[in-house]
Amino acid sequence: MRSRPSMKFSMNKIICLALLGLAPLSGAALAAGAMPAMAAANGVPAASPGSLAELKQRLNNKSVRELRTSYSGEYGTTLLMADNAPVFYVALLNQKSLWRVLRFDNLALAERSYVQLSQRSADWAGEEIRLQVLNAQSQALERSKQESEARLAALNTDMQIMQSEQARIQQGRQAAQSQARASEIERRAYQIQLDQLQRNIRQLESQLSGVHGPAN
């Protein structure tokens, strides 16, 4: 909650527009009177009959000045004083739209009401801020969920590709091993045949050498 020094008419244009009906109240619930009901439930003083119209007239005549104004989130409280009479007004705003006016003939009472309503505005703003924080956290969690789902899908795709490649490689290795075993069997068969041929050759060579050798 922040306060600004007195500034004549700095809020008058906004308040006047609200009073004239040019600045709409925020939400259907506010238009239906939910804000006054909430104010009464939270100990906000009841507005004097006609105080809204009276302040509207003074704003039109520019015969009222701003003494204090504070904002808490979308809620605001302003204390105004009539220029030509010791009359004070405490007005409540939501999203810079006026929705309640209290009239006082005593500055101390007006100040007390202003402080009370400023605290109420801070309480209401705290609820709004908490809601905004929760919404932001929900959105962040939703984004994290979507990112995690996308990451999981990508990892599943990688896993499927890896498993497919592993299966292909394993099949290739098994085929190579089978071919290697077949080649080894074939090589041994050829080796056996070659050894047999070489023995036959040596045997024949030995026989031929004995037949054609010199006689004694």
Foldseek 3Di string as FASTA:
>chain_A
DDKDAWDFCPLLVLALCLLVVNDDAPDPCLVVPVVVVVCVVVPQDAADPPQSVVVNVCSVVSQKTWGMKDAQAQKIWTWMAGNPAQKIKIWIGGNSHTRGIHIDSDVVVSVVSRVVVVVVNNVVSVVVVVVVVVVVVVVVVVVVVVVVVVVVVVVVVVVVVVVVVVVVVVVVVVVVVVVVVVVVVVVVVVVVVVVVVVVVVVVVVVVVCVVPDDDD
